[in-house]
Amino acid sequence: MQKEVFTKLEKLQDSLKAKFHVEEEIKQLPHELKIKKAQLDKLRSDFEELNLNVQTVEKECKTLRFEYDNAVIAHENNQKQMEVISTQREFEALEKQISDSHILEQNLLKQLHAKEKTLTQLKEELEEKSVVLNEVEAEVKSEEAKYDAILIDKVSQKNQLENECNSIVDQYQISPELFKKFSSIVKNKDGSGIVPIHDNVCEGCHMLLPIQFVNEVRSLENIEFCPYCSRVLYYEETELSNSTDSMEIEEGSLSTFADDDEFDLDSF
């Protein structure tokens, strides 16, 4: 009877372990893709910011060009007026205007050249970022295609394993309560949901168990769970079992450890 009971759970454990492994793989799948997408988002943000900067500098260049052209015209007009002045006072005033307009013209020209140089550098940088952006966009697109293909395969595997679990549950009439609890144990204990007792010690957590509790496990009246690690327990004879049984071990009460859910073997 004991072999039949734990054969059922071991079969279920194998399918559950495989299912949880596939689920973990599905969780890990988008990790690299998320990194690539984050990199792409950062590149797009930088590109847009730089592009706006280029547009701003272009407007500034246009404004400086307009102001410079007006300064050139004003300077030329002032020089033409020198031909029609008649007094020393007019001459001195116009001479100052010509000097001021020339200084303004040169200053605007310097500003324009500096701004145009900056614009050229920004456009070169924008072109470089555009190339990188296109490359990363292509990489992300390729990664998304691979991810979609792998995900479809993994989801198919997961669905197949879930069907296997449901088939085992139906075949061996495992109760929904036990299935839920056992699934949680297998998931939280890295695929190890059933362990033997050797010489009154749980082989899952290596804790010494009270003799009374060990005898309850051996009786097979109920499915018993380790009060320390929650795994399903079964008794397995070892060479030292007889000598261990004869040793005087202080029995502790399991009232503080007992699980709320105990299941009769009839529930299978």
Protein backbone atom coordinates (compact mmCIF):
# COMPACT_ATOMS: atom_id res chain seq x y z
CA MET A 1 0.00 0.00 0.00
CA GLN A 2 2.81 2.37 0.93
CA LYS A 3 4.60 1.82 -2.38
CA GLU A 4 1.39 2.50 -4.33
CA VAL A 5 0.67 5.73 -2.45
CA PHE A 6 4.09 7.24 -2.91
CA THR A 7 4.42 6.04 -6.49
CA LYS A 8 1.41 8.25 -7.21
CA LEU A 9 2.97 11.26 -5.54
CA GLU A 10 6.38 10.65 -7.09
CA LYS A 11 4.85 10.60 -10.56
CA LEU A 12 3.02 13.81 -9.79
CA GLN A 13 6.19 15.31 -8.33
CA ASP A 14 8.15 14.64 -11.54
CA SER A 15 5.54 16.38 -13.68
CA LEU A 16 5.19 19.28 -11.26
CA LYS A 17 8.96 19.74 -11.06
CA ALA A 18 9.23 19.84 -14.86
CA LYS A 19 6.30 22.29 -15.08
CA PHE A 20 7.78 24.66 -12.52
CA HIS A 21 11.12 24.51 -14.33
CA VAL A 22 9.47 25.54 -17.61
CA GLU A 23 7.57 28.32 -15.83
CA GLU A 24 10.86 29.66 -14.47
CA GLU A 25 12.37 29.55 -17.96
CA ILE A 26 9.41 31.56 -19.24
CA LYS A 27 10.03 34.16 -16.53
CA GLN A 28 13.70 34.42 -17.48
CA LEU A 29 13.05 34.64 -21.22
CA PRO A 30 12.28 38.38 -21.44
CA HIS A 31 15.20 39.42 -19.21
CA GLU A 32 17.72 40.07 -22.00
CA LEU A 33 14.98 41.50 -24.20
CA LYS A 34 14.01 43.93 -21.43
CA ILE A 35 17.63 45.08 -21.19
CA LYS A 36 17.74 45.67 -24.95
CA LYS A 37 14.43 47.53 -24.89
CA ALA A 38 15.62 49.70 -22.01
CA GLN A 39 18.76 50.50 -24.02
CA LEU A 40 16.60 51.29 -27.05
CA ASP A 41 14.33 53.58 -25.02
CA LYS A 42 17.38 55.44 -23.70
CA LEU A 43 18.80 55.84 -27.22
CA ARG A 44 15.46 57.11 -28.51
CA SER A 45 15.22 59.60 -25.66
CA ASP A 46 18.78 60.85 -26.28
CA PHE A 47 18.14 61.04 -30.01
CA GLU A 48 14.96 63.09 -29.55
CA GLU A 49 16.69 65.40 -27.09
CA LEU A 50 19.60 65.93 -29.46
CA ASN A 51 17.26 66.42 -32.40
CA LEU A 52 15.39 69.15 -30.49
CA ASN A 53 18.74 70.76 -29.69
CA VAL A 54 19.65 70.72 -33.39
CA GLN A 55 16.35 72.39 -34.26
CA THR A 56 16.93 75.06 -31.61
CA VAL A 57 20.44 75.81 -32.88
CA GLU A 58 19.15 75.94 -36.45
CA LYS A 59 16.64 78.62 -35.41
CA GLU A 60 19.39 80.53 -33.61
CA CYS A 61 21.55 80.38 -36.74
CA LYS A 62 18.66 81.68 -38.83
CA THR A 63 18.10 84.56 -36.38
CA LEU A 64 21.81 85.44 -36.33
CA ARG A 65 21.97 85.32 -40.12
CA PHE A 66 19.01 87.69 -40.34
CA GLU A 67 20.55 90.07 -37.78
CA TYR A 68 23.94 89.93 -39.53
CA ASP A 69 22.43 90.71 -42.94
CA ASN A 70 20.59 93.70 -41.47
CA ALA A 71 23.81 94.89 -39.83
CA VAL A 72 25.64 94.68 -43.17
CA ILE A 73 22.90 96.71 -44.88
CA ALA A 74 22.93 99.31 -42.10
CA HIS A 75 26.71 99.60 -42.31
CA GLU A 76 26.58 100.07 -46.08
CA ASN A 77 23.82 102.70 -45.80
CA ASN A 78 25.82 104.65 -43.23
CA GLN A 79 28.83 104.66 -45.53
CA LYS A 80 26.70 105.97 -48.41
CA GLN A 81 25.47 108.85 -46.26
CA MET A 82 29.06 110.10 -45.91
CA GLU A 83 28.72 111.44 -49.46
CA VAL A 84 25.86 113.81 -48.58
CA ILE A 85 26.84 115.24 -45.17
CA SER A 86 27.78 118.90 -45.00
CA THR A 87 28.87 119.66 -41.43
CA GLN A 88 31.63 118.43 -39.11
CA ARG A 89 29.06 117.54 -36.47
CA GLU A 90 27.14 115.33 -38.91
CA PHE A 91 30.41 113.77 -40.00
CA GLU A 92 31.40 112.85 -36.44
CA ALA A 93 27.96 111.44 -35.63
CA LEU A 94 27.86 109.37 -38.81
CA GLU A 95 31.42 108.18 -38.34
CA LYS A 96 30.43 106.81 -34.91
CA GLN A 97 27.38 105.07 -36.44
CA ILE A 98 29.60 103.49 -39.08
CA SER A 99 32.03 102.29 -36.43
CA ASP A 100 29.25 100.90 -34.22
CA SER A 101 27.55 99.14 -37.13
CA HIS A 102 30.85 97.61 -38.20
CA ILE A 103 31.53 96.30 -34.68
CA LEU A 104 28.00 94.90 -34.51
CA GLU A 105 28.42 93.32 -37.93
CA GLN A 106 31.68 91.61 -36.90
CA ASN A 107 30.30 90.41 -33.59
CA LEU A 108 27.25 88.91 -35.26
CA LEU A 109 29.48 87.25 -37.85
CA LYS A 110 31.61 85.66 -35.12
CA GLN A 111 28.51 84.46 -33.29
CA LEU A 112 27.09 83.09 -36.53
CA HIS A 113 30.28 81.18 -37.36
CA ALA A 114 30.45 79.72 -33.83
CA LYS A 115 26.79 78.73 -33.90
CA GLU A 116 27.14 77.16 -37.37
CA LYS A 117 30.14 75.18 -36.15
CA THR A 118 28.11 73.94 -33.19
CA LEU A 119 25.27 73.04 -35.53
CA THR A 120 27.61 71.02 -37.75
CA GLN A 121 28.93 69.09 -34.75
CA LEU A 122 25.43 68.42 -33.46
CA LYS A 123 24.26 67.16 -36.84
CA GLU A 124 27.25 64.80 -37.04
CA GLU A 125 26.46 63.51 -33.56
CA LEU A 126 22.80 63.14 -34.51
CA GLU A 127 23.76 61.10 -37.57
CA GLU A 128 25.95 58.81 -35.44
CA LYS A 129 23.15 58.29 -32.94
CA SER A 130 20.75 57.58 -35.78
CA VAL A 131 23.01 54.76 -37.02
CA VAL A 132 23.28 53.23 -33.53
CA LEU A 133 19.55 53.64 -32.96
CA ASN A 134 18.72 51.82 -36.18
CA GLU A 135 21.10 48.99 -35.27
CA VAL A 136 19.60 48.51 -31.81
CA GLU A 137 16.07 48.71 -33.21
CA ALA A 138 16.96 45.91 -35.63
CA GLU A 139 18.45 43.86 -32.78
CA VAL A 140 15.37 44.32 -30.62
CA LYS A 141 13.11 43.35 -33.51
CA SER A 142 15.16 40.21 -34.06
CA GLU A 143 15.16 39.39 -30.33
CA GLU A 144 11.39 39.87 -30.18
CA ALA A 145 10.94 37.39 -33.03
CA LYS A 146 13.18 34.84 -31.27
CA TYR A 147 11.41 35.45 -27.96
CA ASP A 148 7.99 34.93 -29.51
CA ALA A 149 9.09 31.64 -31.08
CA ILE A 150 10.68 30.34 -27.87
CA LEU A 151 7.74 31.53 -25.78
CA ILE A 152 5.27 29.64 -27.96
CA ASP A 153 7.35 26.48 -27.52
CA LYS A 154 7.71 26.94 -23.73
CA VAL A 155 4.01 27.66 -23.25
CA SER A 156 3.25 24.52 -25.24
CA GLN A 157 5.56 22.53 -22.94
CA LYS A 158 3.93 24.06 -19.87
CA ASN A 159 0.43 23.22 -21.12
CA GLN A 160 1.51 19.64 -21.86
CA LEU A 161 2.95 19.24 -18.36
CA GLU A 162 -0.18 20.72 -16.80
CA ASN A 163 -2.21 18.16 -18.72
CA GLU A 164 0.08 15.43 -17.40
CA CYS A 165 -0.45 16.67 -13.83
CA ASN A 166 -4.22 16.76 -14.29
CA SER A 167 -4.15 13.29 -15.83
CA ILE A 168 -2.23 11.91 -12.84
CA VAL A 169 -4.62 13.63 -10.44
CA ASP A 170 -7.62 12.16 -12.23
CA GLN A 171 -6.06 8.72 -12.69
CA TYR A 172 -5.10 8.30 -9.05
CA GLN A 173 -8.02 10.33 -7.65
CA ILE A 174 -5.83 12.78 -5.77
CA SER A 175 -7.97 15.27 -3.91
CA PRO A 176 -7.86 18.96 -4.95
CA GLU A 177 -6.70 19.92 -1.45
CA LEU A 178 -3.78 17.51 -1.50
CA PHE A 179 -2.86 18.48 -5.05
CA LYS A 180 -2.78 22.18 -4.14
CA LYS A 181 -0.72 21.60 -1.01
CA PHE A 182 1.65 19.13 -2.63
CA SER A 183 2.18 21.46 -5.61
CA SER A 184 3.16 24.26 -3.24
CA ILE A 185 5.61 21.99 -1.41
CA VAL A 186 7.29 20.81 -4.62
CA LYS A 187 7.58 24.40 -5.88
CA ASN A 188 8.95 25.81 -2.64
CA LYS A 189 11.33 22.90 -1.98
CA ASP A 190 13.11 22.90 -5.36
CA GLY A 191 11.23 19.89 -6.70
CA SER A 192 11.65 17.75 -3.59
CA GLY A 193 8.20 17.14 -2.13
CA ILE A 194 8.58 13.57 -0.85
CA VAL A 195 11.41 12.41 1.39
CA PRO A 196 12.01 9.32 3.54
CA ILE A 197 12.59 9.08 7.25
CA HIS A 198 15.89 7.38 8.07
CA ASP A 199 16.50 6.50 11.68
CA ASN A 200 13.88 8.98 12.90
CA VAL A 201 15.45 11.79 10.86
CA CYS A 202 13.72 13.66 8.02
CA GLU A 203 15.97 13.37 4.99
CA GLY A 204 14.65 16.68 3.67
CA CYS A 205 15.67 18.96 6.53
CA HIS A 206 17.71 16.46 8.64
CA MET A 207 15.70 17.22 11.77
CA LEU A 208 15.20 14.53 14.40
CA LEU A 209 11.53 13.61 14.69
CA PRO A 210 9.72 12.33 17.81
CA ILE A 211 9.23 8.56 17.89
CA GLN A 212 5.47 8.91 18.25
CA PHE A 213 5.28 10.94 15.04
CA VAL A 214 7.58 8.49 13.22
CA ASN A 215 5.26 5.65 14.25
CA GLU A 216 2.32 7.61 12.82
CA VAL A 217 4.16 7.90 9.51
CA ARG A 218 4.89 4.15 9.53
CA SER A 219 1.26 3.35 10.24
CA LEU A 220 0.15 4.85 6.89
CA GLU A 221 -3.15 5.87 8.36
CA ASN A 222 -2.67 9.43 7.11
CA ILE A 223 -0.35 11.29 4.80
CA GLU A 224 2.02 13.00 7.17
CA PHE A 225 4.03 16.17 6.53
CA CYS A 226 7.32 17.04 8.20
CA PRO A 227 6.59 19.60 10.93
CA TYR A 228 9.83 21.41 10.09
CA CYS A 229 10.11 21.47 6.27
CA SER A 230 6.50 20.50 5.31
CA ARG A 231 7.57 17.71 2.92
CA VAL A 232 5.55 14.53 2.61
CA LEU A 233 7.18 11.78 4.68
CA TYR A 234 7.41 8.02 4.36
CA TYR A 235 9.38 5.58 6.45
CA GLU A 236 12.26 3.71 4.86
CA GLU A 237 14.12 0.95 6.61
CA THR A 238 17.90 1.29 6.96
CA GLU A 239 20.59 -0.86 8.49
CA LEU A 240 20.52 1.27 11.62
CA SER A 241 16.75 1.36 11.96
CA ASN A 242 16.56 -1.44 14.53
CA SER A 243 19.29 0.01 16.71
CA THR A 244 17.77 3.50 16.43
CA ASP A 245 14.36 2.20 17.42
CA SER A 246 15.88 0.71 20.57
CA MET A 247 17.49 3.99 21.61
CA GLU A 248 15.75 6.15 24.20
CA ILE A 249 14.78 9.37 22.47
CA GLU A 250 12.84 12.04 24.25
CA GLU A 251 9.46 12.37 22.57
CA GLY A 252 8.24 15.90 21.87
CA SER A 253 4.73 17.00 21.25
CA LEU A 254 3.80 17.91 17.69
CA SER A 255 0.88 20.04 18.77
CA THR A 256 2.82 23.17 17.84
CA PHE A 257 4.03 21.71 14.55
CA ALA A 258 1.09 19.72 13.23
CA ASP A 259 -0.27 20.85 9.92
CA ASP A 260 -3.90 21.90 9.74
CA ASP A 261 -4.40 19.70 6.65
CA GLU A 262 -4.11 15.92 7.01
CA PHE A 263 -5.36 13.64 4.29
CA ASP A 264 -6.56 10.06 4.54
CA LEU A 265 -5.19 7.62 2.01
CA ASP A 266 -8.82 7.06 1.04
CA SER A 267 -8.70 10.49 -0.63
CA PHE A 268 -6.54 9.04 -3.42
